[in-house]
N, C-alpha and C. Protein backbone atom coordinates (compact mmCIF):
# COMPACT_ATOMS: atom_id res chain seq x y z
N UNK A 1 85.68 55.09 115.78
CA UNK A 1 85.81 56.28 116.78
C UNK A 1 85.50 55.75 118.16
N UNK A 2 86.28 56.09 119.12
CA UNK A 2 86.15 55.65 120.53
C UNK A 2 84.95 56.25 120.98
N UNK A 3 84.15 55.60 121.72
CA UNK A 3 83.03 56.08 122.46
C UNK A 3 83.01 55.52 124.01
N UNK A 4 82.77 56.54 124.81
CA UNK A 4 82.81 56.31 126.32
C UNK A 4 81.34 56.76 126.78
N UNK A 5 80.81 55.92 127.60
CA UNK A 5 79.31 56.16 128.21
C UNK A 5 79.62 56.08 129.81
N UNK A 6 79.14 57.49 130.37
CA UNK A 6 79.30 57.53 131.85
C UNK A 6 77.83 57.50 132.40
N UNK A 7 77.58 56.57 133.43
CA UNK A 7 76.33 56.39 133.98
C UNK A 7 76.38 56.32 135.34
N UNK A 8 75.36 56.89 136.05
CA UNK A 8 75.08 56.73 137.58
C UNK A 8 73.56 56.64 137.68
N UNK A 9 73.26 56.79 138.81
CA UNK A 9 71.74 56.73 139.06
C UNK A 9 70.96 57.84 138.47
N UNK A 10 71.15 58.87 139.07
CA UNK A 10 70.32 60.21 138.68
C UNK A 10 70.85 60.99 137.65
N UNK A 11 72.18 60.80 137.18
CA UNK A 11 72.68 61.64 136.07
C UNK A 11 72.55 62.94 136.40
N UNK A 12 72.72 63.28 137.77
CA UNK A 12 72.58 64.58 138.26
C UNK A 12 73.82 65.11 138.99
N UNK A 13 74.91 64.26 139.09
CA UNK A 13 76.17 64.57 139.74
C UNK A 13 77.30 63.94 139.15
N UNK A 14 77.63 62.74 139.64
CA UNK A 14 78.85 61.97 139.23
C UNK A 14 79.12 61.93 137.83
N UNK A 15 78.31 61.32 136.99
CA UNK A 15 78.14 61.14 135.61
C UNK A 15 78.19 62.44 134.82
N UNK A 16 77.62 63.53 135.27
CA UNK A 16 77.68 64.76 134.80
C UNK A 16 79.02 65.37 134.85
N UNK A 17 79.52 65.29 136.07
CA UNK A 17 81.00 65.89 136.18
C UNK A 17 81.89 65.10 135.32
N UNK A 18 81.91 63.61 135.27
CA UNK A 18 82.79 62.93 134.51
C UNK A 18 82.58 63.12 132.96
N UNK A 19 81.34 63.47 132.36
CA UNK A 19 81.20 63.74 131.10
C UNK A 19 81.71 65.17 130.95
N UNK A 20 81.60 66.21 131.86
CA UNK A 20 82.09 67.52 131.45
C UNK A 20 83.69 67.47 131.54
N UNK A 21 84.29 66.61 132.38
CA UNK A 21 85.82 66.55 132.26
C UNK A 21 86.16 65.78 131.12
N UNK A 22 85.41 64.77 130.72
CA UNK A 22 85.88 63.94 129.38
C UNK A 22 85.69 64.84 128.33
N UNK A 23 84.70 65.63 128.06
CA UNK A 23 84.59 66.67 127.04
C UNK A 23 85.78 67.67 127.00
N UNK A 24 86.32 68.14 128.19
CA UNK A 24 87.36 69.08 128.27
C UNK A 24 88.64 68.35 127.76
N UNK A 25 88.87 67.09 128.38
CA UNK A 25 90.01 66.48 128.02
C UNK A 25 90.11 66.01 126.63
N UNK A 26 88.92 65.66 125.94
CA UNK A 26 88.84 65.35 124.51
C UNK A 26 89.29 66.53 123.79
N UNK A 27 88.86 67.70 124.09
CA UNK A 27 89.17 68.84 123.36
C UNK A 27 90.62 69.31 123.68
N UNK A 28 91.04 69.02 124.80
CA UNK A 28 92.35 69.60 125.02
C UNK A 28 93.46 68.66 124.27
N UNK A 29 93.11 67.47 124.15
CA UNK A 29 94.04 66.43 123.43
C UNK A 29 93.64 66.23 121.90
N UNK A 30 92.74 66.77 121.55
CA UNK A 30 92.33 66.80 120.00
C UNK A 30 91.90 65.44 119.65
N UNK A 31 91.24 64.59 120.48
CA UNK A 31 90.78 63.26 120.29
C UNK A 31 89.57 63.36 119.55
N UNK A 32 89.27 62.28 118.75
CA UNK A 32 87.94 62.06 118.16
C UNK A 32 87.24 60.97 118.94
N UNK A 33 86.52 61.43 120.11
CA UNK A 33 85.83 60.62 121.07
C UNK A 33 84.47 60.92 121.22
N UNK A 34 83.42 60.00 121.03
CA UNK A 34 82.09 60.21 121.38
C UNK A 34 81.78 60.20 122.70
N UNK A 35 81.02 60.85 123.44
CA UNK A 35 80.90 60.71 124.96
C UNK A 35 79.42 60.79 125.15
N UNK A 36 78.88 59.89 126.03
CA UNK A 36 77.42 59.97 126.33
C UNK A 36 77.20 59.80 127.77
N UNK A 37 76.20 60.37 128.30
CA UNK A 37 76.01 60.27 129.74
C UNK A 37 74.45 60.00 129.94
N UNK A 38 74.15 59.36 131.05
CA UNK A 38 72.94 59.07 131.46
C UNK A 38 72.71 58.40 132.73
N UNK A 39 71.51 58.32 133.22
CA UNK A 39 71.27 57.67 134.63
C UNK A 39 70.22 56.64 134.41
N UNK A 40 70.17 55.71 135.33
CA UNK A 40 69.17 54.46 135.43
C UNK A 40 67.86 55.04 135.92
N UNK A 41 67.83 56.07 136.62
CA UNK A 41 66.72 56.68 137.24
C UNK A 41 66.93 58.09 137.28
N UNK A 42 66.88 58.91 136.20
CA UNK A 42 67.41 60.32 135.95
C UNK A 42 66.63 61.25 136.95
N UNK A 43 67.29 62.24 137.57
CA UNK A 43 66.69 63.32 138.40
C UNK A 43 66.16 64.28 137.52
N UNK A 44 65.47 65.32 138.17
CA UNK A 44 64.75 66.30 137.37
C UNK A 44 65.85 67.35 136.92
N UNK A 45 66.93 67.49 137.56
CA UNK A 45 67.85 68.47 137.27
C UNK A 45 69.23 68.18 137.86
N UNK A 46 70.27 68.68 137.18
CA UNK A 46 71.55 68.56 137.81
C UNK A 46 71.66 69.38 139.03
N UNK A 47 72.40 68.70 140.14
CA UNK A 47 72.44 69.23 141.41
C UNK A 47 73.20 70.46 141.38
N UNK A 48 72.49 71.54 142.13
CA UNK A 48 73.32 72.94 142.06
C UNK A 48 74.75 72.86 142.44
N UNK A 49 74.97 72.15 143.62
CA UNK A 49 76.38 71.98 144.00
C UNK A 49 77.37 71.40 143.06
N UNK A 50 76.76 70.53 142.06
CA UNK A 50 77.63 70.03 141.02
C UNK A 50 78.00 71.17 139.97
N UNK A 51 76.94 71.98 139.66
CA UNK A 51 77.10 73.00 138.72
C UNK A 51 78.01 74.06 139.44
N UNK A 52 77.87 74.32 140.66
CA UNK A 52 78.86 75.33 141.09
C UNK A 52 80.18 74.66 141.29
N UNK A 53 80.51 73.49 141.47
CA UNK A 53 81.85 72.84 141.77
C UNK A 53 82.42 72.78 140.41
N UNK A 54 81.69 72.50 139.36
CA UNK A 54 82.35 72.72 138.04
C UNK A 54 82.64 74.12 137.51
N UNK A 55 81.83 74.94 137.84
CA UNK A 55 82.20 76.43 137.63
C UNK A 55 83.58 76.84 138.12
N UNK A 56 83.88 76.28 139.34
CA UNK A 56 84.97 76.55 139.92
C UNK A 56 86.28 76.04 139.12
N UNK A 57 86.01 75.24 138.30
CA UNK A 57 87.07 74.63 137.53
C UNK A 57 86.82 75.12 136.01
N UNK A 58 86.08 76.17 135.87
CA UNK A 58 86.08 76.79 134.51
C UNK A 58 85.06 76.06 133.58
N UNK A 59 84.26 75.20 134.04
CA UNK A 59 83.25 74.42 133.22
C UNK A 59 81.82 74.81 133.63
N UNK A 60 81.12 75.24 132.66
CA UNK A 60 79.58 75.40 132.67
C UNK A 60 78.76 74.42 132.16
N UNK A 61 77.92 73.82 133.13
CA UNK A 61 77.02 72.68 132.64
C UNK A 61 75.55 73.12 133.19
N UNK A 62 75.33 74.42 133.34
CA UNK A 62 74.06 74.86 133.93
C UNK A 62 72.85 74.60 132.75
N UNK A 63 73.23 74.28 131.56
CA UNK A 63 72.25 74.18 130.67
C UNK A 63 72.05 72.54 130.44
N UNK A 64 72.75 71.73 131.18
CA UNK A 64 72.60 70.30 131.01
C UNK A 64 71.41 69.87 131.69
N UNK A 65 70.83 68.79 131.25
CA UNK A 65 69.73 68.01 132.01
C UNK A 65 69.96 66.48 131.94
N UNK A 66 69.61 65.98 133.19
CA UNK A 66 69.73 64.51 133.41
C UNK A 66 68.80 63.76 132.41
N UNK A 67 69.29 62.60 131.81
CA UNK A 67 68.57 61.87 130.92
C UNK A 67 68.89 60.31 131.24
N UNK A 68 67.95 59.53 130.66
CA UNK A 68 68.06 58.10 130.95
C UNK A 68 69.04 57.49 129.98
N UNK A 69 69.94 56.59 130.43
CA UNK A 69 70.93 55.89 129.73
C UNK A 69 70.18 54.57 129.13
N UNK A 70 70.40 54.33 127.89
CA UNK A 70 69.82 53.17 127.23
C UNK A 70 70.73 52.25 126.73
N UNK A 71 70.26 51.14 126.29
CA UNK A 71 70.98 50.06 125.67
C UNK A 71 71.77 50.65 124.48
N UNK A 72 70.90 51.44 123.82
CA UNK A 72 71.34 51.91 122.40
C UNK A 72 72.63 52.92 122.68
N UNK A 73 72.71 53.53 123.84
CA UNK A 73 73.92 54.43 124.19
C UNK A 73 75.15 53.45 124.33
N UNK A 74 74.95 52.36 124.95
CA UNK A 74 76.04 51.63 125.18
C UNK A 74 76.33 50.45 124.02
N UNK A 75 75.50 50.44 123.07
CA UNK A 75 75.73 49.38 121.97
C UNK A 75 77.08 49.58 121.41
N UNK A 76 77.53 50.72 120.91
CA UNK A 76 78.94 50.79 120.33
C UNK A 76 79.99 51.59 121.20
N UNK A 77 79.66 51.61 122.51
CA UNK A 77 80.65 52.13 123.42
C UNK A 77 81.77 51.23 123.71
N UNK A 78 82.95 51.75 123.52
CA UNK A 78 84.26 51.01 123.93
C UNK A 78 84.36 50.80 125.45
N UNK A 79 83.96 51.96 126.21
CA UNK A 79 84.12 51.89 127.55
C UNK A 79 82.59 52.39 128.10
N UNK A 80 82.07 51.65 129.19
CA UNK A 80 81.00 52.12 129.91
C UNK A 80 81.55 52.17 131.49
N UNK A 81 81.44 53.52 131.84
CA UNK A 81 81.96 53.81 133.24
C UNK A 81 80.57 53.96 134.14
N UNK A 82 80.53 53.19 135.12
CA UNK A 82 79.42 53.22 136.00
C UNK A 82 79.87 53.68 137.36
N UNK A 83 79.09 54.62 138.20
CA UNK A 83 79.40 55.22 139.39
C UNK A 83 78.07 54.93 140.30
N UNK A 84 77.93 53.96 140.95
CA UNK A 84 76.65 53.80 141.80
C UNK A 84 75.57 52.94 141.13
N UNK A 85 75.66 52.55 139.92
CA UNK A 85 74.48 51.99 139.21
C UNK A 85 75.04 50.68 138.67
N UNK A 86 74.24 49.80 138.13
CA UNK A 86 74.77 48.51 137.52
C UNK A 86 74.57 48.48 136.10
N UNK A 87 75.72 48.25 135.49
CA UNK A 87 75.76 48.14 134.05
C UNK A 87 74.67 47.17 133.53
N UNK A 88 74.22 46.18 134.23
CA UNK A 88 73.35 45.14 133.67
C UNK A 88 72.00 45.82 133.62
N UNK A 89 71.76 47.02 134.10
CA UNK A 89 70.44 47.73 133.94
C UNK A 89 70.22 48.23 132.54
N UNK A 90 71.29 48.37 131.74
CA UNK A 90 71.20 49.10 130.41
C UNK A 90 72.21 48.44 129.48
N UNK A 91 72.87 47.51 129.71
CA UNK A 91 74.05 46.97 128.81
C UNK A 91 73.31 46.11 127.81
N UNK A 92 73.73 46.28 126.47
CA UNK A 92 73.08 45.53 125.51
C UNK A 92 73.62 43.99 125.63
N UNK A 93 72.88 43.09 125.28
CA UNK A 93 73.38 41.73 125.41
C UNK A 93 74.56 41.35 124.63
N UNK A 94 74.80 42.13 123.52
CA UNK A 94 75.77 41.55 122.53
C UNK A 94 77.09 42.59 122.72
N UNK A 95 76.87 43.40 123.78
CA UNK A 95 78.11 44.40 123.91
C UNK A 95 79.31 43.69 124.42
N UNK A 96 80.46 44.05 123.81
CA UNK A 96 81.78 43.47 124.28
C UNK A 96 82.87 44.60 124.44
N UNK A 97 82.45 45.69 125.13
CA UNK A 97 83.44 46.75 125.49
C UNK A 97 83.92 46.50 126.74
N UNK A 98 84.50 47.42 127.34
CA UNK A 98 85.08 47.39 128.70
C UNK A 98 84.32 48.17 129.64
N UNK A 99 84.10 47.45 130.71
CA UNK A 99 83.15 48.07 131.86
C UNK A 99 84.14 48.54 133.04
N UNK A 100 84.11 49.80 133.51
CA UNK A 100 84.73 50.20 134.65
C UNK A 100 83.82 50.75 135.70
N UNK A 101 83.99 50.25 136.94
CA UNK A 101 83.23 50.68 138.09
C UNK A 101 84.01 51.67 138.82
N UNK A 102 83.64 52.93 138.83
CA UNK A 102 84.34 53.90 139.59
C UNK A 102 83.65 53.97 141.09
N UNK A 103 84.15 53.34 142.07
CA UNK A 103 83.57 53.50 143.37
C UNK A 103 84.40 54.62 143.95
N UNK A 104 83.79 55.77 144.14
CA UNK A 104 84.42 56.91 144.66
C UNK A 104 84.80 56.91 146.02
N UNK A 105 85.99 57.44 146.38
CA UNK A 105 86.35 57.59 147.83
C UNK A 105 85.71 58.53 148.64
N UNK A 106 85.59 59.59 147.97
CA UNK A 106 84.90 60.86 148.62
C UNK A 106 83.60 60.94 148.53
N UNK A 107 82.95 61.59 149.57
CA UNK A 107 81.50 61.88 149.83
C UNK A 107 80.97 63.21 149.47
N UNK A 108 82.00 64.20 149.54
CA UNK A 108 81.72 65.65 149.31
C UNK A 108 81.90 66.00 147.90
N UNK A 109 80.95 66.90 147.48
CA UNK A 109 80.93 67.16 145.94
C UNK A 109 82.29 67.47 145.43
N UNK A 110 82.95 68.55 146.01
CA UNK A 110 84.16 68.94 145.56
C UNK A 110 85.21 67.81 145.58
N UNK A 111 85.34 67.15 146.60
CA UNK A 111 86.20 65.95 146.61
C UNK A 111 85.94 64.91 145.49
N UNK A 112 84.62 64.71 145.37
CA UNK A 112 84.21 63.79 144.15
C UNK A 112 84.65 64.35 142.96
N UNK A 113 84.45 65.81 142.68
CA UNK A 113 84.80 66.37 141.61
C UNK A 113 86.31 66.06 141.14
N UNK A 114 87.14 66.34 142.11
CA UNK A 114 88.59 66.24 142.00
C UNK A 114 89.00 64.78 141.68
N UNK A 115 88.45 63.80 142.46
CA UNK A 115 88.73 62.50 142.13
C UNK A 115 88.26 61.93 140.49
N UNK A 116 87.13 62.50 140.26
CA UNK A 116 86.61 62.25 138.88
C UNK A 116 87.46 62.88 138.05
N UNK A 117 87.99 64.09 138.21
CA UNK A 117 88.88 64.74 137.24
C UNK A 117 90.10 63.90 136.92
N UNK A 118 90.78 63.40 138.07
CA UNK A 118 91.75 62.54 137.92
C UNK A 118 91.74 61.30 137.15
N UNK A 119 90.45 60.61 137.56
CA UNK A 119 90.11 59.35 136.83
C UNK A 119 89.97 59.42 135.38
N UNK A 120 89.26 60.66 135.08
CA UNK A 120 89.13 60.85 133.57
C UNK A 120 90.36 61.09 132.89
N UNK A 121 91.41 61.73 133.55
CA UNK A 121 92.68 61.98 132.97
C UNK A 121 93.33 60.79 132.66
N UNK A 122 93.09 59.95 133.79
CA UNK A 122 93.85 58.51 133.52
C UNK A 122 93.25 57.66 132.51
N UNK A 123 92.03 57.60 132.33
CA UNK A 123 91.34 56.91 131.37
C UNK A 123 91.82 57.35 130.01
N UNK A 124 91.98 58.76 129.75
CA UNK A 124 92.28 59.17 128.50
C UNK A 124 93.84 58.94 128.19
N UNK A 125 94.66 58.87 129.37
CA UNK A 125 96.06 58.37 129.26
C UNK A 125 96.18 57.09 128.80
N UNK A 126 95.17 56.03 129.24
CA UNK A 126 95.02 54.79 128.58
C UNK A 126 94.66 54.62 127.26
N UNK A 127 93.62 55.56 126.88
CA UNK A 127 93.23 55.34 125.59
C UNK A 127 94.35 55.97 124.55
N UNK A 128 95.09 56.84 125.03
CA UNK A 128 96.01 57.55 124.21
C UNK A 128 97.18 56.57 123.78
N UNK A 129 97.44 55.64 124.85
CA UNK A 129 98.55 54.68 124.66
C UNK A 129 98.22 53.45 124.07
């Protein structure tokens, strides 16, 4: 089974959005994909503006909480996508998957949301082919 790990610093914004879009994309396409998310320095809660921005897209994450990403999370991941953190902070030594760095062009939450949505769809297109 394919596994994707999404990570950022606080796991309160970008990686939460990526995970939400990936879960939606997985369900739409009927893929068997395991998705995990975490932060290198987790915040206390998901940002309110992120929850609101995803609600505008019909996605509810108000019950989600930031968590720490671990080497175990990445051990069997085919893809690790980082947004603002270093994969070296949690990547297992023997890991041989593909690392993607998503440097987002947008700084505003809704613009980031839209960019992440497109990037997730593109990643799923690659996995599908």
